[in-house]
Each structure stands twice: as structure tokens, then as C-alpha cells.
Amino acid sequence: MILDHNNSPRNYGVIDNPSHYAEGDNPLCGDHIDLYVSVDDDIIKDVSFKGKGCAISKASASLMTSEIKGKTIEEANSIFEKFHDMITTNSEVMIDIDKFGKLAVLAGVKKFPLRVKCASLAWHTLSAALQQKMEKVKISTE
């Protein structure tokens, strides 16, 4: 699934007249994302991204945009928190597919700290876009 979303990313491109925008950068591996979000009445009506990066970064952005489209901002923030916990928690507990759906394919990145940054770049960029922060999101190289 990661290779599929890397080779054929969903929601790739620029949407017309986005209400929210953010730019994210991971200088450690060269991942870069521009995220475009159209919010109307607290609902994410449309979302897309452009950028370059490794397979994990691009697949994560593709999966994220597919998952949050049609959700409220509050729901998207909740999904981000659950996703972040999934990829950063050092628990070996089985991942609940019903809870994470397709996002569960990225659970294994927690074993590779540098890849956590790749998987989370799009999500941190989404958070900045929804908060309408104007600065570029930079994933720490530490």
C-alpha cells in the first residue's frame, strides 16, 4: 500500500482557492510538502498536496488527505493525535485496524526514528494549515 500511494498519490496537485495553506520541510532527507485545504463551515471539503520526498512521506500525505476529506477540523485533529501516538509509541501492542484503517500500514515506522519524521511531516503541516500558522513547518533534525 505504501508503494501504491507513493507511485499513484491520491489528492496530488493544487486545489482551486484553498482557504488554508502550509508548507512543510524535512531537511534531513529532503522531504518537502505544500498542503492546500479548503474548509467550509468547519468541514474539510477538499485537500491536496504537492511536493517531493521519500516513499513514506508521499504515501503518508496521500493517505492523510484521503482520510481527512469530509471530516471536521476537530475530527482531523483527533485523527492526527491518534496517528502520532501510533507512530511514536514504543508499544508492541497490536495495531487496531478498525481504529486506524489504512493508516495502520505506517505503524512500523516507529522502529525507525528517522522515518517517523518522514511519516509525520504531512500531518504536522496539516496542523499548521488548520491553525493558519504562517511559518514553514520544519521537522527537527535532532
C-alpha atoms as a PDB file:
ATOM      1  CA  MET A   1       0.000   0.000   0.000  1.00  0.00           C
ATOM      2  CA  ILE A   2       2.892   2.386   0.732  1.00  0.00           C
ATOM      3  CA  LEU A   3       4.334   1.811  -2.738  1.00  0.00           C
ATOM      4  CA  ASP A   4       0.900   2.222  -4.328  1.00  0.00           C
ATOM      5  CA  HIS A   5       0.319   5.585  -2.614  1.00  0.00           C
ATOM      6  CA  ASN A   6       3.870   6.668  -3.478  1.00  0.00           C
ATOM      7  CA  ASN A   7       3.540   5.741  -7.146  1.00  0.00           C
ATOM      8  CA  SER A   8      -0.063   6.980  -7.510  1.00  0.00           C
ATOM      9  CA  PRO A   9      -0.634   9.529  -4.757  1.00  0.00           C
ATOM     10  CA  ARG A  10      -4.221  10.494  -4.088  1.00  0.00           C
ATOM     11  CA  ASN A  11      -5.150  14.180  -3.954  1.00  0.00           C
ATOM     12  CA  TYR A  12      -1.878  15.261  -5.557  1.00  0.00           C
ATOM     13  CA  GLY A  13      -1.929  18.749  -7.057  1.00  0.00           C
ATOM     14  CA  VAL A  14      -3.232  22.182  -6.173  1.00  0.00           C
ATOM     15  CA  ILE A  15      -6.908  22.771  -5.428  1.00  0.00           C
ATOM     16  CA  ASP A  16      -8.607  25.970  -6.554  1.00  0.00           C
ATOM     17  CA  ASN A  17      -8.971  28.715  -3.951  1.00  0.00           C
ATOM     18  CA  PRO A  18      -7.814  26.910  -0.799  1.00  0.00           C
ATOM     19  CA  SER A  19      -8.841  28.587   2.442  1.00  0.00           C
ATOM     20  CA  HIS A  20      -5.830  27.170   4.300  1.00  0.00           C
ATOM     21  CA  TYR A  21      -2.240  26.525   3.242  1.00  0.00           C
ATOM     22  CA  ALA A  22       1.007  25.429   4.858  1.00  0.00           C
ATOM     23  CA  GLU A  23       4.468  24.413   3.720  1.00  0.00           C
ATOM     24  CA  GLY A  24       6.485  21.668   5.401  1.00  0.00           C
ATOM     25  CA  ASP A  25      10.123  20.693   5.136  1.00  0.00           C
ATOM     26  CA  ASN A  26      12.240  17.817   6.437  1.00  0.00           C
ATOM     27  CA  PRO A  27      15.825  18.878   5.702  1.00  0.00           C
ATOM     28  CA  LEU A  28      17.199  15.573   6.977  1.00  0.00           C
ATOM     29  CA  CYS A  29      16.005  13.595   3.978  1.00  0.00           C
ATOM     30  CA  GLY A  30      14.790  16.296   1.596  1.00  0.00           C
ATOM     31  CA  ASP A  31      11.045  15.815   2.007  1.00  0.00           C
ATOM     32  CA  HIS A  32       9.028  18.917   1.135  1.00  0.00           C
ATOM     33  CA  ILE A  33       5.266  19.410   1.031  1.00  0.00           C
ATOM     34  CA  ASP A  34       2.864  22.181   0.114  1.00  0.00           C
ATOM     35  CA  LEU A  35      -0.559  21.436   1.583  1.00  0.00           C
ATOM     36  CA  TYR A  36      -3.784  23.035   0.358  1.00  0.00           C
ATOM     37  CA  VAL A  37      -7.020  22.768   2.343  1.00  0.00           C
ATOM     38  CA  SER A  38     -10.494  24.055   1.608  1.00  0.00           C
ATOM     39  CA  VAL A  39     -12.566  24.421   4.775  1.00  0.00           C
ATOM     40  CA  ASP A  40     -16.197  25.475   4.718  1.00  0.00           C
ATOM     41  CA  ASP A  41     -18.355  25.632   7.828  1.00  0.00           C
ATOM     42  CA  ASP A  42     -15.692  23.703   9.833  1.00  0.00           C
ATOM     43  CA  ILE A  43     -15.709  20.823   7.297  1.00  0.00           C
ATOM     44  CA  ILE A  44     -12.646  19.907   5.236  1.00  0.00           C
ATOM     45  CA  LYS A  45     -14.295  19.983   1.830  1.00  0.00           C
ATOM     46  CA  ASP A  46     -11.121  19.384  -0.165  1.00  0.00           C
ATOM     47  CA  VAL A  47      -7.429  18.833   0.491  1.00  0.00           C
ATOM     48  CA  SER A  48      -4.426  18.258  -1.727  1.00  0.00           C
ATOM     49  CA  PHE A  49      -0.659  18.352  -1.671  1.00  0.00           C
ATOM     50  CA  LYS A  50       2.344  18.827  -3.896  1.00  0.00           C
ATOM     51  CA  GLY A  51       5.916  18.126  -3.106  1.00  0.00           C
ATOM     52  CA  LYS A  52       8.783  15.732  -3.240  1.00  0.00           C
ATOM     53  CA  GLY A  53      10.026  13.176  -0.830  1.00  0.00           C
ATOM     54  CA  CYS A  54      10.651   9.577   0.040  1.00  0.00           C
ATOM     55  CA  ALA A  55       8.004   6.877  -0.402  1.00  0.00           C
ATOM     56  CA  ILE A  56       6.934   7.046   3.245  1.00  0.00           C
ATOM     57  CA  SER A  57       6.491  10.814   3.189  1.00  0.00           C
ATOM     58  CA  LYS A  58       4.487  10.812  -0.028  1.00  0.00           C
ATOM     59  CA  ALA A  59       2.370   7.804   0.978  1.00  0.00           C
ATOM     60  CA  SER A  60       1.627   9.353   4.367  1.00  0.00           C
ATOM     61  CA  ALA A  61       0.460  12.585   2.710  1.00  0.00           C
ATOM     62  CA  SER A  62      -1.684  10.632   0.254  1.00  0.00           C
ATOM     63  CA  LEU A  63      -3.265   8.503   2.984  1.00  0.00           C
ATOM     64  CA  MET A  64      -3.776  11.533   5.209  1.00  0.00           C
ATOM     65  CA  THR A  65      -5.562  13.582   2.555  1.00  0.00           C
ATOM     66  CA  SER A  66      -7.847  10.653   1.767  1.00  0.00           C
ATOM     67  CA  GLU A  67      -8.617  10.110   5.449  1.00  0.00           C
ATOM     68  CA  ILE A  68      -9.439  13.695   6.447  1.00  0.00           C
ATOM     69  CA  LYS A  69     -11.503  14.790   3.450  1.00  0.00           C
ATOM     70  CA  GLY A  70     -15.066  15.367   4.611  1.00  0.00           C
ATOM     71  CA  LYS A  71     -14.114  15.458   8.293  1.00  0.00           C
ATOM     72  CA  THR A  72     -14.489  18.364  10.672  1.00  0.00           C
ATOM     73  CA  ILE A  73     -11.368  20.171  11.843  1.00  0.00           C
ATOM     74  CA  GLU A  74     -11.868  18.613  15.278  1.00  0.00           C
ATOM     75  CA  GLU A  75     -12.067  15.115  13.751  1.00  0.00           C
ATOM     76  CA  ALA A  76      -8.928  15.753  11.676  1.00  0.00           C
ATOM     77  CA  ASN A  77      -7.052  16.919  14.789  1.00  0.00           C
ATOM     78  CA  SER A  78      -8.181  13.799  16.648  1.00  0.00           C
ATOM     79  CA  ILE A  79      -7.009  11.544  13.801  1.00  0.00           C
ATOM     80  CA  PHE A  80      -3.647  13.346  13.842  1.00  0.00           C
ATOM     81  CA  GLU A  81      -3.247  12.721  17.588  1.00  0.00           C
ATOM     82  CA  LYS A  82      -4.084   9.010  17.221  1.00  0.00           C
ATOM     83  CA  PHE A  83      -1.783   8.674  14.205  1.00  0.00           C
ATOM     84  CA  HIS A  84       1.067  10.446  16.007  1.00  0.00           C
ATOM     85  CA  ASP A  85       0.646   8.167  19.034  1.00  0.00           C
ATOM     86  CA  MET A  86       0.638   5.114  16.756  1.00  0.00           C
ATOM     87  CA  ILE A  87       3.934   6.007  15.059  1.00  0.00           C
ATOM     88  CA  THR A  88       5.753   7.272  18.158  1.00  0.00           C
ATOM     89  CA  THR A  89       4.646   4.959  20.971  1.00  0.00           C
ATOM     90  CA  ASN A  90       7.157   2.236  21.745  1.00  0.00           C
ATOM     91  CA  SER A  91       4.425  -0.261  22.443  1.00  0.00           C
ATOM     92  CA  GLU A  92       4.427  -3.630  20.731  1.00  0.00           C
ATOM     93  CA  VAL A  93       0.657  -3.883  21.131  1.00  0.00           C
ATOM     94  CA  MET A  94      -1.164  -4.991  18.004  1.00  0.00           C
ATOM     95  CA  ILE A  95      -2.490  -2.094  15.953  1.00  0.00           C
ATOM     96  CA  ASP A  96      -6.287  -1.990  15.848  1.00  0.00           C
ATOM     97  CA  ILE A  97      -7.072  -1.929  12.135  1.00  0.00           C
ATOM     98  CA  ASP A  98     -10.637  -0.781  12.859  1.00  0.00           C
ATOM     99  CA  LYS A  99      -9.280   2.261  14.700  1.00  0.00           C
ATOM    100  CA  PHE A 100      -6.582   3.220  12.172  1.00  0.00           C
ATOM    101  CA  GLY A 101      -7.812   1.782   8.873  1.00  0.00           C
ATOM    102  CA  LYS A 102      -5.313   2.177   6.040  1.00  0.00           C
ATOM    103  CA  LEU A 103      -3.150   4.431   8.218  1.00  0.00           C
ATOM    104  CA  ALA A 104      -2.094   1.276  10.117  1.00  0.00           C
ATOM    105  CA  VAL A 105       0.338   0.441   7.292  1.00  0.00           C
ATOM    106  CA  LEU A 106       2.585   3.203   8.628  1.00  0.00           C
ATOM    107  CA  ALA A 107       2.739   1.808  12.190  1.00  0.00           C
ATOM    108  CA  GLY A 108       6.082   0.115  11.552  1.00  0.00           C
ATOM    109  CA  VAL A 109       7.929   3.413  11.133  1.00  0.00           C
ATOM    110  CA  LYS A 110       8.115   3.723  14.919  1.00  0.00           C
ATOM    111  CA  LYS A 111      11.023   1.266  14.778  1.00  0.00           C
ATOM    112  CA  PHE A 112      12.966   3.756  12.646  1.00  0.00           C
ATOM    113  CA  PRO A 113      13.077   7.214  14.292  1.00  0.00           C
ATOM    114  CA  LEU A 114      14.227   8.977  11.131  1.00  0.00           C
ATOM    115  CA  ARG A 115      11.243   7.541   9.246  1.00  0.00           C
ATOM    116  CA  VAL A 116       8.843   8.816  11.912  1.00  0.00           C
ATOM    117  CA  LYS A 117       9.779  12.298  10.728  1.00  0.00           C
ATOM    118  CA  CYS A 118       9.005  11.316   7.134  1.00  0.00           C
ATOM    119  CA  ALA A 119       5.619   9.863   8.072  1.00  0.00           C
ATOM    120  CA  SER A 120       4.638  12.792  10.282  1.00  0.00           C
ATOM    121  CA  LEU A 121       5.660  15.720   8.035  1.00  0.00           C
ATOM    122  CA  ALA A 122       2.322  15.935   6.210  1.00  0.00           C
ATOM    123  CA  TRP A 123       0.432  15.715   9.498  1.00  0.00           C
ATOM    124  CA  HIS A 124       2.387  18.493  11.182  1.00  0.00           C
ATOM    125  CA  THR A 125       1.905  20.571   8.037  1.00  0.00           C
ATOM    126  CA  LEU A 126      -1.849  19.895   8.186  1.00  0.00           C
ATOM    127  CA  SER A 127      -1.919  21.016  11.805  1.00  0.00           C
ATOM    128  CA  ALA A 128      -0.171  24.279  10.869  1.00  0.00           C
ATOM    129  CA  ALA A 129      -2.540  24.827   7.932  1.00  0.00           C
ATOM    130  CA  LEU A 130      -5.636  24.326  10.061  1.00  0.00           C
ATOM    131  CA  GLN A 131      -4.256  26.735  12.677  1.00  0.00           C
ATOM    132  CA  GLN A 132      -3.408  29.129   9.844  1.00  0.00           C
ATOM    133  CA  LYS A 133       0.185  29.477  11.002  1.00  0.00           C
ATOM    134  CA  MET A 134       2.237  31.413   8.508  1.00  0.00           C
ATOM    135  CA  GLU A 135       5.702  29.989   9.203  1.00  0.00           C
ATOM    136  CA  LYS A 136       7.135  26.985   7.389  1.00  0.00           C
ATOM    137  CA  VAL A 137       6.888  23.713   9.315  1.00  0.00           C
ATOM    138  CA  LYS A 138      10.361  22.265   9.803  1.00  0.00           C
ATOM    139  CA  ILE A 139      10.782  18.792  11.163  1.00  0.00           C
ATOM    140  CA  SER A 140      13.663  18.800  13.626  1.00  0.00           C
ATOM    141  CA  THR A 141      16.887  17.142  12.533  1.00  0.00           C
ATOM    142  CA  GLU A 142      17.638  16.073  16.106  1.00  0.00           C
END
